[in-house]
Amino acid sequence: MEEKMKLNVERCKGCYLCIENCKIGAISLSDYTNGKGVVTIQVDQSKCVQCGSCYAMCPDLVFEIL
């Protein structure tokens, strides 16, 4: 599967604005807790349409659109 979005989950602070603003539901919580103690997010690459909503909303630069 082609990767559409790259994540740096170590930057995530858990605001979850990305989940709230993903209109197609491609972003959800993962099972991973980062070094800050935050349960991070994951992207369903098969659903992602690279619209940039998550990138625009994220204050911590977690997302990189490929």
C-alpha atoms as a PDB file:
ATOM      1  CA  MET A   1       0.000   0.000   0.000  1.00  0.00           C
ATOM      2  CA  GLU A   2       1.258   3.453  -0.889  1.00  0.00           C
ATOM      3  CA  GLU A   3       2.074   5.656   2.089  1.00  0.00           C
ATOM      4  CA  LYS A   4       0.241   8.983   1.770  1.00  0.00           C
ATOM      5  CA  MET A   5       1.013  10.493   5.147  1.00  0.00           C
ATOM      6  CA  LYS A   6       4.091  10.288   7.349  1.00  0.00           C
ATOM      7  CA  LEU A   7       3.770  10.860  11.089  1.00  0.00           C
ATOM      8  CA  ASN A   8       6.178  12.019  13.769  1.00  0.00           C
ATOM      9  CA  VAL A   9       4.112  10.815  16.729  1.00  0.00           C
ATOM     10  CA  GLU A  10       6.827  11.748  19.231  1.00  0.00           C
ATOM     11  CA  ARG A  11       5.754  15.372  18.665  1.00  0.00           C
ATOM     12  CA  CYS A  12       2.078  14.631  19.454  1.00  0.00           C
ATOM     13  CA  LYS A  13       0.741  16.269  22.614  1.00  0.00           C
ATOM     14  CA  GLY A  14      -2.697  14.664  22.441  1.00  0.00           C
ATOM     15  CA  CYS A  15      -4.931  17.552  21.397  1.00  0.00           C
ATOM     16  CA  TYR A  16      -6.578  15.263  18.804  1.00  0.00           C
ATOM     17  CA  LEU A  17      -7.639  18.176  16.598  1.00  0.00           C
ATOM     18  CA  CYS A  18      -6.611  16.000  13.674  1.00  0.00           C
ATOM     19  CA  ILE A  19      -9.149  13.312  14.592  1.00  0.00           C
ATOM     20  CA  GLU A  20     -11.910  15.884  15.064  1.00  0.00           C
ATOM     21  CA  ASN A  21     -11.186  17.545  11.719  1.00  0.00           C
ATOM     22  CA  CYS A  22     -10.665  14.489   9.502  1.00  0.00           C
ATOM     23  CA  LYS A  23     -13.902  14.471   7.508  1.00  0.00           C
ATOM     24  CA  ILE A  24     -13.386  10.947   6.183  1.00  0.00           C
ATOM     25  CA  GLY A  25     -12.362   9.320   9.465  1.00  0.00           C
ATOM     26  CA  ALA A  26      -8.887   8.245   8.381  1.00  0.00           C
ATOM     27  CA  ILE A  27      -7.293   9.224  11.700  1.00  0.00           C
ATOM     28  CA  SER A  28      -7.819   7.361  14.958  1.00  0.00           C
ATOM     29  CA  LEU A  29      -6.064   6.634  18.237  1.00  0.00           C
ATOM     30  CA  SER A  30      -3.272   4.090  18.117  1.00  0.00           C
ATOM     31  CA  ASP A  31      -2.028   1.650  20.743  1.00  0.00           C
ATOM     32  CA  TYR A  32       1.258   3.568  21.034  1.00  0.00           C
ATOM     33  CA  THR A  33       2.145   5.940  23.875  1.00  0.00           C
ATOM     34  CA  ASN A  34       4.938   8.366  23.026  1.00  0.00           C
ATOM     35  CA  GLY A  35       7.738   9.636  25.248  1.00  0.00           C
ATOM     36  CA  LYS A  36       5.467  12.396  26.587  1.00  0.00           C
ATOM     37  CA  GLY A  37       2.998   9.788  27.883  1.00  0.00           C
ATOM     38  CA  VAL A  38       0.448  10.639  25.181  1.00  0.00           C
ATOM     39  CA  VAL A  39      -1.606   8.013  23.386  1.00  0.00           C
ATOM     40  CA  THR A  40      -0.827   8.941  19.799  1.00  0.00           C
ATOM     41  CA  ILE A  41      -2.743   8.755  16.540  1.00  0.00           C
ATOM     42  CA  GLN A  42      -2.546   6.623  13.436  1.00  0.00           C
ATOM     43  CA  VAL A  43      -3.632   7.176   9.834  1.00  0.00           C
ATOM     44  CA  ASP A  44      -5.502   4.611   7.765  1.00  0.00           C
ATOM     45  CA  GLN A  45      -3.501   5.040   4.562  1.00  0.00           C
ATOM     46  CA  SER A  46      -6.244   3.343   2.515  1.00  0.00           C
ATOM     47  CA  LYS A  47      -8.787   6.031   3.544  1.00  0.00           C
ATOM     48  CA  CYS A  48      -6.508   9.088   3.448  1.00  0.00           C
ATOM     49  CA  VAL A  49      -7.107  11.426   0.495  1.00  0.00           C
ATOM     50  CA  GLN A  50      -4.257  13.824   1.377  1.00  0.00           C
ATOM     51  CA  CYS A  51      -6.660  16.745   1.841  1.00  0.00           C
ATOM     52  CA  GLY A  52      -4.342  18.431   4.369  1.00  0.00           C
ATOM     53  CA  SER A  53      -6.922  19.057   7.114  1.00  0.00           C
ATOM     54  CA  CYS A  54      -4.814  17.275   9.714  1.00  0.00           C
ATOM     55  CA  TYR A  55      -1.677  19.081   8.600  1.00  0.00           C
ATOM     56  CA  ALA A  56      -3.409  22.464   8.832  1.00  0.00           C
ATOM     57  CA  MET A  57      -4.898  21.789  12.274  1.00  0.00           C
ATOM     58  CA  CYS A  58      -1.879  20.206  13.972  1.00  0.00           C
ATOM     59  CA  PRO A  59      -0.011  22.707  16.174  1.00  0.00           C
ATOM     60  CA  ASP A  60       2.871  20.254  16.665  1.00  0.00           C
ATOM     61  CA  LEU A  61       3.894  19.452  13.076  1.00  0.00           C
ATOM     62  CA  VAL A  62       3.122  15.730  13.450  1.00  0.00           C
ATOM     63  CA  PHE A  63       2.050  15.293   9.808  1.00  0.00           C
ATOM     64  CA  GLU A  64       3.964  15.245   6.553  1.00  0.00           C
ATOM     65  CA  ILE A  65       1.939  14.823   3.381  1.00  0.00           C
ATOM     66  CA  LEU A  66       3.798  12.682   0.877  1.00  0.00           C
END
